[in-house]
């Protein structure tokens, strides 16, 4: 068994941070979680369902948005944005597809749309589904979702 096979076999025992890190397209997400000091939360017991924006999703944000969120004085806003990407409990894509507007960890609802076999949350397409981890499920999304309330 090569090293790669061994790491794949172990994937389900990894927590969400380790699972996302292993995917390598989540460097920005890791950076913002650290800045918001939420890394510990997502390494915790959970379970959580996280809608994880890729690095490319963060690149789509208006210029300066990410830099602004990373400033210490904007930490509260950053935490709110990140909590808008997390749902308490373990929701598979099939579960998510049955929800109309789940209440996210930050307290607001995020509209779910289902068109054929495509799923989106608050306007972001779910591009990869059901990546399981020891403390929840990750769904990969192609945009950073921002709530309408500021």
C-alpha atoms as a PDB file:
ATOM      1  CA  UNK A   1       0.000   0.000   0.000  1.00  0.00           C
ATOM      2  CA  UNK A   2       1.534   3.297  -1.040  1.00  0.00           C
ATOM      3  CA  UNK A   3       1.567   6.286   1.313  1.00  0.00           C
ATOM      4  CA  UNK A   4      -1.219   7.885  -0.737  1.00  0.00           C
ATOM      5  CA  UNK A   5      -3.541   4.895  -0.252  1.00  0.00           C
ATOM      6  CA  UNK A   6      -2.906   4.895   3.475  1.00  0.00           C
ATOM      7  CA  UNK A   7      -3.799   8.565   3.807  1.00  0.00           C
ATOM      8  CA  UNK A   8      -7.032   8.042   1.846  1.00  0.00           C
ATOM      9  CA  UNK A   9      -8.028   5.133   4.057  1.00  0.00           C
ATOM     10  CA  UNK A  10      -7.488   7.291   7.139  1.00  0.00           C
ATOM     11  CA  UNK A  11      -9.406  10.289   5.794  1.00  0.00           C
ATOM     12  CA  UNK A  12     -12.638   9.619   7.658  1.00  0.00           C
ATOM     13  CA  UNK A  13     -10.810   9.725  11.006  1.00  0.00           C
ATOM     14  CA  UNK A  14      -9.548  13.225  10.256  1.00  0.00           C
ATOM     15  CA  UNK A  15     -11.430  16.225  11.535  1.00  0.00           C
ATOM     16  CA  UNK A  16     -12.752  18.876   9.165  1.00  0.00           C
ATOM     17  CA  UNK A  17      -9.649  21.045   9.280  1.00  0.00           C
ATOM     18  CA  UNK A  18      -7.364  18.115   8.461  1.00  0.00           C
ATOM     19  CA  UNK A  19      -9.726  16.863   5.755  1.00  0.00           C
ATOM     20  CA  UNK A  20      -9.913  20.292   4.106  1.00  0.00           C
ATOM     21  CA  UNK A  21      -6.144  20.749   4.417  1.00  0.00           C
ATOM     22  CA  UNK A  22      -5.574  17.401   2.711  1.00  0.00           C
ATOM     23  CA  UNK A  23      -7.580  18.649  -0.266  1.00  0.00           C
ATOM     24  CA  UNK A  24      -5.071  21.478  -0.812  1.00  0.00           C
ATOM     25  CA  UNK A  25      -7.491  23.917  -2.473  1.00  0.00           C
ATOM     26  CA  UNK A  26      -8.467  25.417   0.880  1.00  0.00           C
ATOM     27  CA  UNK A  27      -5.388  27.447   1.858  1.00  0.00           C
ATOM     28  CA  UNK A  28      -7.395  30.676   2.123  1.00  0.00           C
ATOM     29  CA  UNK A  29     -10.124  29.008   4.186  1.00  0.00           C
ATOM     30  CA  UNK A  30      -7.469  27.744   6.606  1.00  0.00           C
ATOM     31  CA  UNK A  31      -5.977  31.219   6.843  1.00  0.00           C
ATOM     32  CA  UNK A  32      -9.302  32.918   7.588  1.00  0.00           C
ATOM     33  CA  UNK A  33     -10.301  30.257  10.127  1.00  0.00           C
ATOM     34  CA  UNK A  34      -7.025  30.868  11.934  1.00  0.00           C
ATOM     35  CA  UNK A  35      -7.555  34.638  11.824  1.00  0.00           C
ATOM     36  CA  UNK A  36     -11.065  34.222  13.252  1.00  0.00           C
ATOM     37  CA  UNK A  37      -9.738  31.744  15.823  1.00  0.00           C
ATOM     38  CA  UNK A  38     -12.387  29.262  14.663  1.00  0.00           C
ATOM     39  CA  UNK A  39      -9.934  26.502  13.790  1.00  0.00           C
ATOM     40  CA  UNK A  40     -10.426  25.032  17.257  1.00  0.00           C
ATOM     41  CA  UNK A  41     -14.195  25.013  16.817  1.00  0.00           C
ATOM     42  CA  UNK A  42     -13.995  23.002  13.600  1.00  0.00           C
ATOM     43  CA  UNK A  43     -11.511  20.590  15.136  1.00  0.00           C
ATOM     44  CA  UNK A  44     -13.984  20.062  17.972  1.00  0.00           C
ATOM     45  CA  UNK A  45     -16.593  17.412  18.448  1.00  0.00           C
ATOM     46  CA  UNK A  46     -19.297  18.859  16.216  1.00  0.00           C
ATOM     47  CA  UNK A  47     -20.890  17.492  14.268  1.00  0.00           C
ATOM     48  CA  UNK A  48     -21.008  20.302  11.752  1.00  0.00           C
ATOM     49  CA  UNK A  49     -21.813  20.565   8.091  1.00  0.00           C
ATOM     50  CA  UNK A  50     -19.415  23.029   6.499  1.00  0.00           C
ATOM     51  CA  UNK A  51     -19.865  24.623   3.096  1.00  0.00           C
ATOM     52  CA  UNK A  52     -16.210  25.190   2.268  1.00  0.00           C
ATOM     53  CA  UNK A  53     -15.254  27.825  -0.315  1.00  0.00           C
ATOM     54  CA  UNK A  54     -12.198  26.934  -2.395  1.00  0.00           C
ATOM     55  CA  UNK A  55      -9.267  29.298  -2.879  1.00  0.00           C
ATOM     56  CA  UNK A  56     -10.796  30.204  -6.259  1.00  0.00           C
ATOM     57  CA  UNK A  57     -14.053  31.140  -4.483  1.00  0.00           C
ATOM     58  CA  UNK A  58     -12.191  33.582  -2.225  1.00  0.00           C
ATOM     59  CA  UNK A  59     -10.477  35.056  -5.298  1.00  0.00           C
ATOM     60  CA  UNK A  60     -13.920  36.005  -6.684  1.00  0.00           C
ATOM     61  CA  UNK A  61     -14.571  38.374  -3.764  1.00  0.00           C
ATOM     62  CA  UNK A  62     -14.366  42.094  -4.531  1.00  0.00           C
ATOM     63  CA  UNK A  63     -10.810  43.446  -4.222  1.00  0.00           C
ATOM     64  CA  UNK A  64      -9.847  44.223  -0.669  1.00  0.00           C
ATOM     65  CA  UNK A  65     -12.695  42.236   0.947  1.00  0.00           C
ATOM     66  CA  UNK A  66     -10.541  39.410   2.234  1.00  0.00           C
ATOM     67  CA  UNK A  67      -7.763  41.772   3.346  1.00  0.00           C
ATOM     68  CA  UNK A  68     -10.353  43.809   5.239  1.00  0.00           C
ATOM     69  CA  UNK A  69     -11.791  40.711   6.963  1.00  0.00           C
ATOM     70  CA  UNK A  70      -8.310  39.653   8.053  1.00  0.00           C
ATOM     71  CA  UNK A  71      -7.709  42.885   9.991  1.00  0.00           C
ATOM     72  CA  UNK A  72      -7.995  42.354  13.758  1.00  0.00           C
ATOM     73  CA  UNK A  73     -10.647  45.055  14.089  1.00  0.00           C
ATOM     74  CA  UNK A  74     -12.908  43.158  11.651  1.00  0.00           C
ATOM     75  CA  UNK A  75     -12.643  39.816  13.420  1.00  0.00           C
ATOM     76  CA  UNK A  76     -16.313  39.862  14.499  1.00  0.00           C
ATOM     77  CA  UNK A  77     -17.438  40.324  10.900  1.00  0.00           C
ATOM     78  CA  UNK A  78     -15.111  37.542   9.728  1.00  0.00           C
ATOM     79  CA  UNK A  79     -16.469  35.158  12.392  1.00  0.00           C
ATOM     80  CA  UNK A  80     -20.002  35.978  11.265  1.00  0.00           C
ATOM     81  CA  UNK A  81     -19.115  35.302   7.606  1.00  0.00           C
ATOM     82  CA  UNK A  82     -17.481  31.985   8.469  1.00  0.00           C
ATOM     83  CA  UNK A  83     -20.345  30.869  10.697  1.00  0.00           C
ATOM     84  CA  UNK A  84     -22.657  31.542   7.741  1.00  0.00           C
ATOM     85  CA  UNK A  85     -20.834  28.633   6.056  1.00  0.00           C
ATOM     86  CA  UNK A  86     -21.566  26.146   8.834  1.00  0.00           C
ATOM     87  CA  UNK A  87     -24.681  24.251   9.747  1.00  0.00           C
ATOM     88  CA  UNK A  88     -25.003  22.473  13.082  1.00  0.00           C
ATOM     89  CA  UNK A  89     -25.328  18.713  12.680  1.00  0.00           C
ATOM     90  CA  UNK A  90     -24.394  16.292   9.917  1.00  0.00           C
ATOM     91  CA  UNK A  91     -26.251  17.005   6.666  1.00  0.00           C
ATOM     92  CA  UNK A  92     -25.469  15.017   3.553  1.00  0.00           C
ATOM     93  CA  UNK A  93     -26.101  16.604   0.162  1.00  0.00           C
ATOM     94  CA  UNK A  94     -29.366  14.616   0.030  1.00  0.00           C
ATOM     95  CA  UNK A  95     -30.366  16.147   3.389  1.00  0.00           C
ATOM     96  CA  UNK A  96     -29.354  19.637   2.242  1.00  0.00           C
ATOM     97  CA  UNK A  97     -31.429  19.190  -0.915  1.00  0.00           C
ATOM     98  CA  UNK A  98     -34.541  18.735   1.234  1.00  0.00           C
ATOM     99  CA  UNK A  99     -33.980  21.979   3.143  1.00  0.00           C
ATOM    100  CA  UNK A 100     -35.451  25.260   1.954  1.00  0.00           C
ATOM    101  CA  UNK A 101     -33.558  27.710   4.144  1.00  0.00           C
ATOM    102  CA  UNK A 102     -31.538  26.117   6.938  1.00  0.00           C
ATOM    103  CA  UNK A 103     -30.479  28.242   9.894  1.00  0.00           C
ATOM    104  CA  UNK A 104     -26.707  28.544   9.817  1.00  0.00           C
ATOM    105  CA  UNK A 105     -24.474  28.711  12.909  1.00  0.00           C
ATOM    106  CA  UNK A 106     -24.405  32.494  12.646  1.00  0.00           C
ATOM    107  CA  UNK A 107     -28.177  32.655  13.147  1.00  0.00           C
ATOM    108  CA  UNK A 108     -29.438  33.510   9.695  1.00  0.00           C
ATOM    109  CA  UNK A 109     -30.958  31.281   7.082  1.00  0.00           C
ATOM    110  CA  UNK A 110     -29.308  30.458   3.771  1.00  0.00           C
ATOM    111  CA  UNK A 111     -31.589  29.675   0.829  1.00  0.00           C
ATOM    112  CA  UNK A 112     -31.028  26.281  -0.794  1.00  0.00           C
ATOM    113  CA  UNK A 113     -31.899  25.801  -4.470  1.00  0.00           C
ATOM    114  CA  UNK A 114     -32.129  22.503  -6.223  1.00  0.00           C
ATOM    115  CA  UNK A 115     -32.233  22.340 -10.005  1.00  0.00           C
ATOM    116  CA  UNK A 116     -32.042  18.830 -11.375  1.00  0.00           C
ATOM    117  CA  UNK A 117     -29.030  17.316  -9.668  1.00  0.00           C
ATOM    118  CA  UNK A 118     -27.441  20.715  -9.008  1.00  0.00           C
ATOM    119  CA  UNK A 119     -27.523  22.184  -5.526  1.00  0.00           C
ATOM    120  CA  UNK A 120     -26.688  25.692  -4.412  1.00  0.00           C
ATOM    121  CA  UNK A 121     -26.683  27.534  -1.100  1.00  0.00           C
ATOM    122  CA  UNK A 122     -27.153  31.304  -0.960  1.00  0.00           C
ATOM    123  CA  UNK A 123     -26.118  31.518  -4.609  1.00  0.00           C
ATOM    124  CA  UNK A 124     -22.962  29.375  -4.335  1.00  0.00           C
ATOM    125  CA  UNK A 125     -22.911  26.107  -6.259  1.00  0.00           C
ATOM    126  CA  UNK A 126     -22.035  22.948  -4.369  1.00  0.00           C
ATOM    127  CA  UNK A 127     -19.299  21.482  -6.557  1.00  0.00           C
ATOM    128  CA  UNK A 128     -18.222  18.531  -4.443  1.00  0.00           C
ATOM    129  CA  UNK A 129     -20.459  16.763  -1.968  1.00  0.00           C
ATOM    130  CA  UNK A 130     -20.299  14.631   1.119  1.00  0.00           C
ATOM    131  CA  UNK A 131     -16.635  14.744   2.082  1.00  0.00           C
ATOM    132  CA  UNK A 132     -16.913  13.076   5.459  1.00  0.00           C
ATOM    133  CA  UNK A 133     -14.717  13.784   8.427  1.00  0.00           C
ATOM    134  CA  UNK A 134     -14.718  12.594  12.017  1.00  0.00           C
ATOM    135  CA  UNK A 135     -16.759  15.588  13.152  1.00  0.00           C
ATOM    136  CA  UNK A 136     -19.068  16.292  10.244  1.00  0.00           C
ATOM    137  CA  UNK A 137     -19.457  16.662   6.517  1.00  0.00           C
ATOM    138  CA  UNK A 138     -17.880  19.131   4.093  1.00  0.00           C
ATOM    139  CA  UNK A 139     -19.518  20.302   0.879  1.00  0.00           C
ATOM    140  CA  UNK A 140     -17.281  22.299  -1.448  1.00  0.00           C
ATOM    141  CA  UNK A 141     -18.733  25.539  -2.848  1.00  0.00           C
ATOM    142  CA  UNK A 142     -17.576  27.824  -5.655  1.00  0.00           C
ATOM    143  CA  UNK A 143     -18.270  31.175  -3.974  1.00  0.00           C
ATOM    144  CA  UNK A 144     -18.008  32.752  -0.548  1.00  0.00           C
ATOM    145  CA  UNK A 145     -21.521  33.203   0.781  1.00  0.00           C
ATOM    146  CA  UNK A 146     -22.225  36.459   2.529  1.00  0.00           C
ATOM    147  CA  UNK A 147     -25.423  37.110   4.415  1.00  0.00           C
ATOM    148  CA  UNK A 148     -27.547  40.068   3.468  1.00  0.00           C
ATOM    149  CA  UNK A 149     -27.499  41.456   7.006  1.00  0.00           C
ATOM    150  CA  UNK A 150     -24.402  43.447   7.916  1.00  0.00           C
END
